Amino acid sequence: MQHAHYEQKHGNGNLRGHKPAGRGNGKKNVEACSYCGEKDEVIPILYGFPTHAGFMRAERGEVYLGGCEVSPYGFFCKRCDREF
């Protein structure tokens, strides 16, 4: 019997809509900023309550903490100070 608070796993064993955490800086699949067009200052947005490692990545400027409410934005431009 499956509990209601668990999401069913699909395909490669990851939860639907979730990617496994990697050890990289998150820059390999970064989009260009829709405001300035640059990629060098774009970082991914981390939603939800971060782990200790998530807080450390945010302090290093590798991710932007987006809070608990997920928005349609997936990236943050440090140059423009905007989510997109």
PDB file of N, CA and C in Angstrom:
ATOM      1  N   MET A   1       0.844  -1.179   0.000  1.00  0.00           N
ATOM      2  CA  MET A   1       0.000   0.000   0.000  1.00  0.00           C
ATOM      3  C   MET A   1       0.887   1.239   0.000  1.00  0.00           C
ATOM      4  N   GLN A   2       0.552   2.174  -0.852  1.00  0.00           N
ATOM      5  CA  GLN A   2       1.357   3.378  -0.975  1.00  0.00           C
ATOM      6  C   GLN A   2       0.773   4.481  -0.094  1.00  0.00           C
ATOM      7  N   HIS A   3       1.622   5.161   0.650  1.00  0.00           N
ATOM      8  CA  HIS A   3       1.172   6.252   1.510  1.00  0.00           C
ATOM      9  C   HIS A   3       0.902   7.500   0.680  1.00  0.00           C
ATOM     10  N   ALA A   4      -0.021   8.317   1.111  1.00  0.00           N
ATOM     11  CA  ALA A   4      -0.443   9.483   0.350  1.00  0.00           C
ATOM     12  C   ALA A   4       0.640  10.547   0.234  1.00  0.00           C
ATOM     13  N   HIS A   5       1.559  10.627   1.197  1.00  0.00           N
ATOM     14  CA  HIS A   5       2.553  11.696   1.161  1.00  0.00           C
ATOM     15  C   HIS A   5       3.790  11.350   0.349  1.00  0.00           C
ATOM     16  N   TYR A   6       3.858  10.162  -0.229  1.00  0.00           N
ATOM     17  CA  TYR A   6       4.979   9.782  -1.078  1.00  0.00           C
ATOM     18  C   TYR A   6       4.599   9.947  -2.538  1.00  0.00           C
ATOM     19  N   GLU A   7       5.546  10.435  -3.352  1.00  0.00           N
ATOM     20  CA  GLU A   7       5.308  10.518  -4.778  1.00  0.00           C
ATOM     21  C   GLU A   7       5.799   9.233  -5.425  1.00  0.00           C
ATOM     22  N   GLN A   8       5.111   8.828  -6.443  1.00  0.00           N
ATOM     23  CA  GLN A   8       5.500   7.607  -7.142  1.00  0.00           C
ATOM     24  C   GLN A   8       6.736   7.876  -7.986  1.00  0.00           C
ATOM     25  N   LYS A   9       7.662   6.913  -8.007  1.00  0.00           N
ATOM     26  CA  LYS A   9       8.864   7.044  -8.819  1.00  0.00           C
ATOM     27  C   LYS A   9       8.578   6.603 -10.242  1.00  0.00           C
ATOM     28  N   HIS A  10       9.236   7.263 -11.200  1.00  0.00           N
ATOM     29  CA  HIS A  10       9.029   6.983 -12.614  1.00  0.00           C
ATOM     30  C   HIS A  10      10.364   6.853 -13.325  1.00  0.00           C
ATOM     31  N   GLY A  11      10.403   6.078 -14.381  1.00  0.00           N
ATOM     32  CA  GLY A  11      11.550   5.996 -15.274  1.00  0.00           C
ATOM     33  C   GLY A  11      12.843   5.610 -14.597  1.00  0.00           C
ATOM     34  N   ASN A  12      13.723   6.593 -14.419  1.00  0.00           N
ATOM     35  CA  ASN A  12      15.058   6.317 -13.901  1.00  0.00           C
ATOM     36  C   ASN A  12      15.120   6.314 -12.382  1.00  0.00           C
ATOM     37  N   GLY A  13      13.992   6.229 -11.706  1.00  0.00           N
ATOM     38  CA  GLY A  13      13.981   6.152 -10.247  1.00  0.00           C
ATOM     39  C   GLY A  13      13.873   7.499  -9.561  1.00  0.00           C
ATOM     40  N   ASN A  14      13.883   8.582 -10.315  1.00  0.00           N
ATOM     41  CA  ASN A  14      13.741   9.908  -9.720  1.00  0.00           C
ATOM     42  C   ASN A  14      12.266  10.252  -9.590  1.00  0.00           C
ATOM     43  N   LEU A  15      11.954  11.086  -8.627  1.00  0.00           N
ATOM     44  CA  LEU A  15      10.579  11.525  -8.485  1.00  0.00           C
ATOM     45  C   LEU A  15      10.195  12.361  -9.693  1.00  0.00           C
ATOM     46  N   ARG A  16       8.939  12.298 -10.051  1.00  0.00           N
ATOM     47  CA  ARG A  16       8.476  13.046 -11.215  1.00  0.00           C
ATOM     48  C   ARG A  16       8.761  14.536 -11.016  1.00  0.00           C
ATOM     49  N   GLY A  17       9.401  15.150 -12.008  1.00  0.00           N
ATOM     50  CA  GLY A  17       9.689  16.575 -11.966  1.00  0.00           C
ATOM     51  C   GLY A  17      10.935  16.937 -11.182  1.00  0.00           C
ATOM     52  N   HIS A  18      11.631  15.970 -10.631  1.00  0.00           N
ATOM     53  CA  HIS A  18      12.819  16.260  -9.837  1.00  0.00           C
ATOM     54  C   HIS A  18      14.052  15.679 -10.502  1.00  0.00           C
ATOM     55  N   LYS A  19      15.153  16.411 -10.418  1.00  0.00           N
ATOM     56  CA  LYS A  19      16.418  15.921 -10.949  1.00  0.00           C
ATOM     57  C   LYS A  19      17.309  15.550  -9.773  1.00  0.00           C
ATOM     58  N   PRO A  20      18.150  14.545  -9.929  1.00  0.00           N
ATOM     59  CA  PRO A  20      19.057  14.207  -8.838  1.00  0.00           C
ATOM     60  C   PRO A  20      20.064  15.327  -8.609  1.00  0.00           C
ATOM     61  N   ALA A  21      20.429  15.531  -7.361  1.00  0.00           N
ATOM     62  CA  ALA A  21      21.397  16.570  -7.035  1.00  0.00           C
ATOM     63  C   ALA A  21      22.757  16.177  -7.573  1.00  0.00           C
ATOM     64  N   GLY A  22      23.421  17.116  -8.195  1.00  0.00           N
ATOM     65  CA  GLY A  22      24.750  16.857  -8.738  1.00  0.00           C
ATOM     66  C   GLY A  22      25.809  17.560  -7.912  1.00  0.00           C
ATOM     67  N   ARG A  23      27.029  17.270  -8.208  1.00  0.00           N
ATOM     68  CA  ARG A  23      28.142  17.892  -7.491  1.00  0.00           C
ATOM     69  C   ARG A  23      28.724  19.077  -8.235  1.00  0.00           C
ATOM     70  N   GLY A  24      28.226  19.359  -9.433  1.00  0.00           N
ATOM     71  CA  GLY A  24      28.760  20.473 -10.213  1.00  0.00           C
ATOM     72  C   GLY A  24      28.244  21.806  -9.712  1.00  0.00           C
ATOM     73  N   ASN A  25      28.626  22.864 -10.394  1.00  0.00           N
ATOM     74  CA  ASN A  25      28.186  24.196  -9.992  1.00  0.00           C
ATOM     75  C   ASN A  25      26.870  24.580 -10.644  1.00  0.00           C
ATOM     76  N   GLY A  26      26.274  23.685 -11.434  1.00  0.00           N
ATOM     77  CA  GLY A  26      24.978  23.957 -12.035  1.00  0.00           C
ATOM     78  C   GLY A  26      25.040  24.834 -13.260  1.00  0.00           C
ATOM     79  N   LYS A  27      26.204  25.111 -13.810  1.00  0.00           N
ATOM     80  CA  LYS A  27      26.337  26.030 -14.921  1.00  0.00           C
ATOM     81  C   LYS A  27      26.251  25.373 -16.289  1.00  0.00           C
ATOM     82  N   LYS A  28      26.287  24.035 -16.393  1.00  0.00           N
ATOM     83  CA  LYS A  28      26.348  23.433 -17.712  1.00  0.00           C
ATOM     84  C   LYS A  28      25.037  23.547 -18.482  1.00  0.00           C
ATOM     85  N   ASN A  29      23.899  23.626 -17.827  1.00  0.00           N
ATOM     86  CA  ASN A  29      22.612  23.740 -18.509  1.00  0.00           C
ATOM     87  C   ASN A  29      21.959  25.090 -18.255  1.00  0.00           C
ATOM     88  N   VAL A  30      22.759  26.116 -18.102  1.00  0.00           N
ATOM     89  CA  VAL A  30      22.247  27.444 -17.777  1.00  0.00           C
ATOM     90  C   VAL A  30      21.750  28.142 -19.037  1.00  0.00           C
ATOM     91  N   GLU A  31      20.643  28.830 -18.894  1.00  0.00           N
ATOM     92  CA  GLU A  31      20.088  29.611 -19.993  1.00  0.00           C
ATOM     93  C   GLU A  31      20.668  31.016 -19.958  1.00  0.00           C
ATOM     94  N   ALA A  32      20.589  31.697 -21.074  1.00  0.00           N
ATOM     95  CA  ALA A  32      20.987  33.104 -21.124  1.00  0.00           C
ATOM     96  C   ALA A  32      19.892  33.937 -20.458  1.00  0.00           C
ATOM     97  N   CYS A  33      20.283  34.979 -19.773  1.00  0.00           N
ATOM     98  CA  CYS A  33      19.328  35.869 -19.103  1.00  0.00           C
ATOM     99  C   CYS A  33      18.402  36.499 -20.139  1.00  0.00           C
ATOM    100  N   SER A  34      17.123  36.486 -19.862  1.00  0.00           N
ATOM    101  CA  SER A  34      16.159  37.053 -20.804  1.00  0.00           C
ATOM    102  C   SER A  34      16.154  38.582 -20.777  1.00  0.00           C
ATOM    103  N   TYR A  35      16.886  39.180 -19.836  1.00  0.00           N
ATOM    104  CA  TYR A  35      16.945  40.642 -19.745  1.00  0.00           C
ATOM    105  C   TYR A  35      18.241  41.196 -20.353  1.00  0.00           C
ATOM    106  N   CYS A  36      19.400  40.620 -19.982  1.00  0.00           N
ATOM    107  CA  CYS A  36      20.674  41.147 -20.482  1.00  0.00           C
ATOM    108  C   CYS A  36      21.298  40.248 -21.547  1.00  0.00           C
ATOM    109  N   GLY A  37      20.838  39.000 -21.676  1.00  0.00           N
ATOM    110  CA  GLY A  37      21.344  38.103 -22.696  1.00  0.00           C
ATOM    111  C   GLY A  37      22.636  37.374 -22.338  1.00  0.00           C
ATOM    112  N   GLU A  38      23.171  37.602 -21.142  1.00  0.00           N
ATOM    113  CA  GLU A  38      24.431  36.983 -20.731  1.00  0.00           C
ATOM    114  C   GLU A  38      24.184  35.681 -19.984  1.00  0.00           C
ATOM    115  N   LYS A  39      25.205  34.803 -19.944  1.00  0.00           N
ATOM    116  CA  LYS A  39      25.124  33.538 -19.226  1.00  0.00           C
ATOM    117  C   LYS A  39      26.063  33.480 -18.027  1.00  0.00           C
ATOM    118  N   ASP A  40      27.052  34.353 -17.987  1.00  0.00           N
ATOM    119  CA  ASP A  40      28.117  34.226 -16.984  1.00  0.00           C
ATOM    120  C   ASP A  40      27.675  34.475 -15.547  1.00  0.00           C
ATOM    121  N   GLU A  41      26.600  35.198 -15.316  1.00  0.00           N
ATOM    122  CA  GLU A  41      26.129  35.493 -13.962  1.00  0.00           C
ATOM    123  C   GLU A  41      24.779  34.843 -13.664  1.00  0.00           C
ATOM    124  N   VAL A  42      24.393  33.828 -14.438  1.00  0.00           N
ATOM    125  CA  VAL A  42      23.104  33.150 -14.263  1.00  0.00           C
ATOM    126  C   VAL A  42      23.312  31.903 -13.411  1.00  0.00           C
ATOM    127  N   ILE A  43      22.480  31.756 -12.381  1.00  0.00           N
ATOM    128  CA  ILE A  43      22.542  30.598 -11.488  1.00  0.00           C
ATOM    129  C   ILE A  43      21.141  30.002 -11.345  1.00  0.00           C
ATOM    130  N   PRO A  44      21.045  28.711 -11.035  1.00  0.00           N
ATOM    131  CA  PRO A  44      19.721  28.096 -10.852  1.00  0.00           C
ATOM    132  C   PRO A  44      19.068  28.547  -9.546  1.00  0.00           C
ATOM    133  N   ILE A  45      17.746  28.506  -9.517  1.00  0.00           N
ATOM    134  CA  ILE A  45      16.981  28.830  -8.314  1.00  0.00           C
ATOM    135  C   ILE A  45      16.684  27.541  -7.569  1.00  0.00           C
ATOM    136  N   LEU A  46      16.954  27.533  -6.275  1.00  0.00           N
ATOM    137  CA  LEU A  46      16.694  26.378  -5.419  1.00  0.00           C
ATOM    138  C   LEU A  46      15.446  26.667  -4.598  1.00  0.00           C
ATOM    139  N   TYR A  47      14.376  25.883  -4.821  1.00  0.00           N
ATOM    140  CA  TYR A  47      13.118  26.067  -4.107  1.00  0.00           C
ATOM    141  C   TYR A  47      13.008  25.103  -2.939  1.00  0.00           C
ATOM    142  N   GLY A  48      12.213  25.473  -1.936  1.00  0.00           N
ATOM    143  CA  GLY A  48      12.015  24.638  -0.764  1.00  0.00           C
ATOM    144  C   GLY A  48      13.014  24.992   0.320  1.00  0.00           C
ATOM    145  N   PHE A  49      12.921  24.283   1.450  1.00  0.00           N
ATOM    146  CA  PHE A  49      13.852  24.542   2.538  1.00  0.00           C
ATOM    147  C   PHE A  49      15.169  23.850   2.226  1.00  0.00           C
ATOM    148  N   PRO A  50      16.245  24.625   2.080  1.00  0.00           N
ATOM    149  CA  PRO A  50      17.519  24.024   1.685  1.00  0.00           C
ATOM    150  C   PRO A  50      18.187  23.241   2.816  1.00  0.00           C
ATOM    151  N   THR A  51      18.973  22.274   2.429  1.00  0.00           N
ATOM    152  CA  THR A  51      19.804  21.540   3.373  1.00  0.00           C
ATOM    153  C   THR A  51      21.001  22.413   3.730  1.00  0.00           C
ATOM    154  N   HIS A  52      21.847  21.908   4.606  1.00  0.00           N
ATOM    155  CA  HIS A  52      23.068  22.647   4.943  1.00  0.00           C
ATOM    156  C   HIS A  52      23.908  22.881   3.679  1.00  0.00           C
ATOM    157  N   ALA A  53      24.000  21.858   2.833  1.00  0.00           N
ATOM    158  CA  ALA A  53      24.750  21.989   1.587  1.00  0.00           C
ATOM    159  C   ALA A  53      24.122  23.054   0.681  1.00  0.00           C
ATOM    160  N   GLY A  54      22.794  23.137   0.671  1.00  0.00           N
ATOM    161  CA  GLY A  54      22.108  24.154  -0.116  1.00  0.00           C
ATOM    162  C   GLY A  54      22.410  25.559   0.375  1.00  0.00           C
ATOM    163  N   PHE A  55      22.437  25.736   1.698  1.00  0.00           N
ATOM    164  CA  PHE A  55      22.804  27.037   2.261  1.00  0.00           C
ATOM    165  C   PHE A  55      24.234  27.404   1.899  1.00  0.00           C
ATOM    166  N   MET A  56      25.138  26.418   1.946  1.00  0.00           N
ATOM    167  CA  MET A  56      26.537  26.672   1.607  1.00  0.00           C
ATOM    168  C   MET A  56      26.688  27.059   0.133  1.00  0.00           C
ATOM    169  N   ARG A  57      25.952  26.382  -0.748  1.00  0.00           N
ATOM    170  CA  ARG A  57      25.985  26.724  -2.177  1.00  0.00           C
ATOM    171  C   ARG A  57      25.449  28.131  -2.408  1.00  0.00           C
ATOM    172  N   ALA A  58      24.421  28.524  -1.652  1.00  0.00           N
ATOM    173  CA  ALA A  58      23.874  29.872  -1.784  1.00  0.00           C
ATOM    174  C   ALA A  58      24.886  30.913  -1.305  1.00  0.00           C
ATOM    175  N   GLU A  59      25.584  30.626  -0.214  1.00  0.00           N
ATOM    176  CA  GLU A  59      26.607  31.560   0.277  1.00  0.00           C
ATOM    177  C   GLU A  59      27.733  31.732  -0.731  1.00  0.00           C
ATOM    178  N   ARG A  60      28.068  30.666  -1.456  1.00  0.00           N
ATOM    179  CA  ARG A  60      29.119  30.739  -2.474  1.00  0.00           C
ATOM    180  C   ARG A  60      28.617  31.368  -3.774  1.00  0.00           C
ATOM    181  N   GLY A  61      27.313  31.623  -3.861  1.00  0.00           N
ATOM    182  CA  GLY A  61      26.747  32.234  -5.062  1.00  0.00           C
ATOM    183  C   GLY A  61      26.487  31.249  -6.181  1.00  0.00           C
ATOM    184  N   GLU A  62      26.396  29.950  -5.862  1.00  0.00           N
ATOM    185  CA  GLU A  62      26.160  28.923  -6.876  1.00  0.00           C
ATOM    186  C   GLU A  62      24.681  28.715  -7.158  1.00  0.00           C
ATOM    187  N   VAL A  63      23.814  29.024  -6.187  1.00  0.00           N
ATOM    188  CA  VAL A  63      22.365  28.925  -6.357  1.00  0.00           C
ATOM    189  C   VAL A  63      21.718  30.130  -5.688  1.00  0.00           C
ATOM    190  N   TYR A  64      20.487  30.409  -6.100  1.00  0.00           N
ATOM    191  CA  TYR A  64      19.680  31.470  -5.507  1.00  0.00           C
ATOM    192  C   TYR A  64      18.549  30.800  -4.743  1.00  0.00           C
ATOM    193  N   LEU A  65      18.342  31.179  -3.496  1.00  0.00           N
ATOM    194  CA  LEU A  65      17.277  30.585  -2.689  1.00  0.00           C
ATOM    195  C   LEU A  65      15.953  31.235  -3.051  1.00  0.00           C
ATOM    196  N   GLY A  66      15.041  30.425  -3.610  1.00  0.00           N
ATOM    197  CA  GLY A  66      13.784  30.942  -4.118  1.00  0.00           C
ATOM    198  C   GLY A  66      12.634  30.900  -3.132  1.00  0.00           C
ATOM    199  N   GLY A  67      12.831  30.283  -1.973  1.00  0.00           N
ATOM    200  CA  GLY A  67      11.763  30.214  -0.987  1.00  0.00           C
ATOM    201  C   GLY A  67      10.955  28.938  -1.120  1.00  0.00           C
ATOM    202  N   CYS A  68       9.882  28.862  -0.356  1.00  0.00           N
ATOM    203  CA  CYS A  68       9.075  27.634  -0.304  1.00  0.00           C
ATOM    204  C   CYS A  68       8.010  27.563  -1.387  1.00  0.00           C
ATOM    205  N   GLU A  69       7.581  28.700  -1.901  1.00  0.00           N
ATOM    206  CA  GLU A  69       6.570  28.707  -2.950  1.00  0.00           C
ATOM    207  C   GLU A  69       7.259  28.678  -4.305  1.00  0.00           C
ATOM    208  N   VAL A  70       7.017  27.630  -5.055  1.00  0.00           N
ATOM    209  CA  VAL A  70       7.664  27.462  -6.350  1.00  0.00           C
ATOM    210  C   VAL A  70       7.026  28.390  -7.369  1.00  0.00           C
ATOM    211  N   SER A  71       7.850  29.149  -8.060  1.00  0.00           N
ATOM    212  CA  SER A  71       7.373  30.042  -9.113  1.00  0.00           C
ATOM    213  C   SER A  71       7.743  29.442 -10.468  1.00  0.00           C
ATOM    214  N   PRO A  72       7.273  30.024 -11.558  1.00  0.00           N
ATOM    215  CA  PRO A  72       7.612  29.465 -12.875  1.00  0.00           C
ATOM    216  C   PRO A  72       9.053  29.741 -13.298  1.00  0.00           C
ATOM    217  N   TYR A  73       9.800  30.488 -12.494  1.00  0.00           N
ATOM    218  CA  TYR A  73      11.165  30.852 -12.851  1.00  0.00           C
ATOM    219  C   TYR A  73      12.146  29.784 -12.388  1.00  0.00           C
ATOM    220  N   GLY A  74      13.143  29.503 -13.204  1.00  0.00           N
ATOM    221  CA  GLY A  74      14.121  28.483 -12.871  1.00  0.00           C
ATOM    222  C   GLY A  74      15.532  29.011 -12.695  1.00  0.00           C
ATOM    223  N   PHE A  75      15.761  30.264 -13.112  1.00  0.00           N
ATOM    224  CA  PHE A  75      17.103  30.831 -13.049  1.00  0.00           C
ATOM    225  C   PHE A  75      17.070  32.248 -12.483  1.00  0.00           C
ATOM    226  N   PHE A  76      18.232  32.695 -11.991  1.00  0.00           N
ATOM    227  CA  PHE A  76      18.383  34.034 -11.423  1.00  0.00           C
ATOM    228  C   PHE A  76      19.634  34.661 -12.028  1.00  0.00           C
ATOM    229  N   CYS A  77      19.521  35.888 -12.484  1.00  0.00           N
ATOM    230  CA  CYS A  77      20.667  36.618 -13.034  1.00  0.00           C
ATOM    231  C   CYS A  77      21.209  37.549 -11.956  1.00  0.00           C
ATOM    232  N   LYS A  78      22.448  37.301 -11.540  1.00  0.00           N
ATOM    233  CA  LYS A  78      23.077  38.141 -10.514  1.00  0.00           C
ATOM    234  C   LYS A  78      23.397  39.523 -11.070  1.00  0.00           C
ATOM    235  N   ARG A  79      23.613  39.628 -12.364  1.00  0.00           N
ATOM    236  CA  ARG A  79      23.920  40.920 -12.995  1.00  0.00           C
ATOM    237  C   ARG A  79      22.690  41.832 -12.971  1.00  0.00           C
ATOM    238  N   CYS A  80      21.523  41.287 -13.331  1.00  0.00           N
ATOM    239  CA  CYS A  80      20.279  42.066 -13.397  1.00  0.00           C
ATOM    240  C   CYS A  80      19.484  42.041 -12.098  1.00  0.00           C
ATOM    241  N   ASP A  81      19.834  41.093 -11.204  1.00  0.00           N
ATOM    242  CA  ASP A  81      19.105  40.895  -9.943  1.00  0.00           C
ATOM    243  C   ASP A  81      17.633  40.551 -10.217  1.00  0.00           C
ATOM    244  N   ARG A  82      17.420  39.638 -11.194  1.00  0.00           N
ATOM    245  CA  ARG A  82      16.065  39.251 -11.585  1.00  0.00           C
ATOM    246  C   ARG A  82      15.961  37.752 -11.804  1.00  0.00           C
ATOM    247  N   GLU A  83      14.769  37.226 -11.517  1.00  0.00           N
ATOM    248  CA  GLU A  83      14.457  35.822 -11.791  1.00  0.00           C
ATOM    249  C   GLU A  83      13.868  35.734 -13.195  1.00  0.00           C
ATOM    250  N   PHE A  84      14.140  34.631 -13.872  1.00  0.00           N
ATOM    251  CA  PHE A  84      13.529  34.407 -15.176  1.00  0.00           C
ATOM    252  C   PHE A  84      13.376  32.928 -15.429  1.00  0.00           C
TER     253      PHE A  84
END
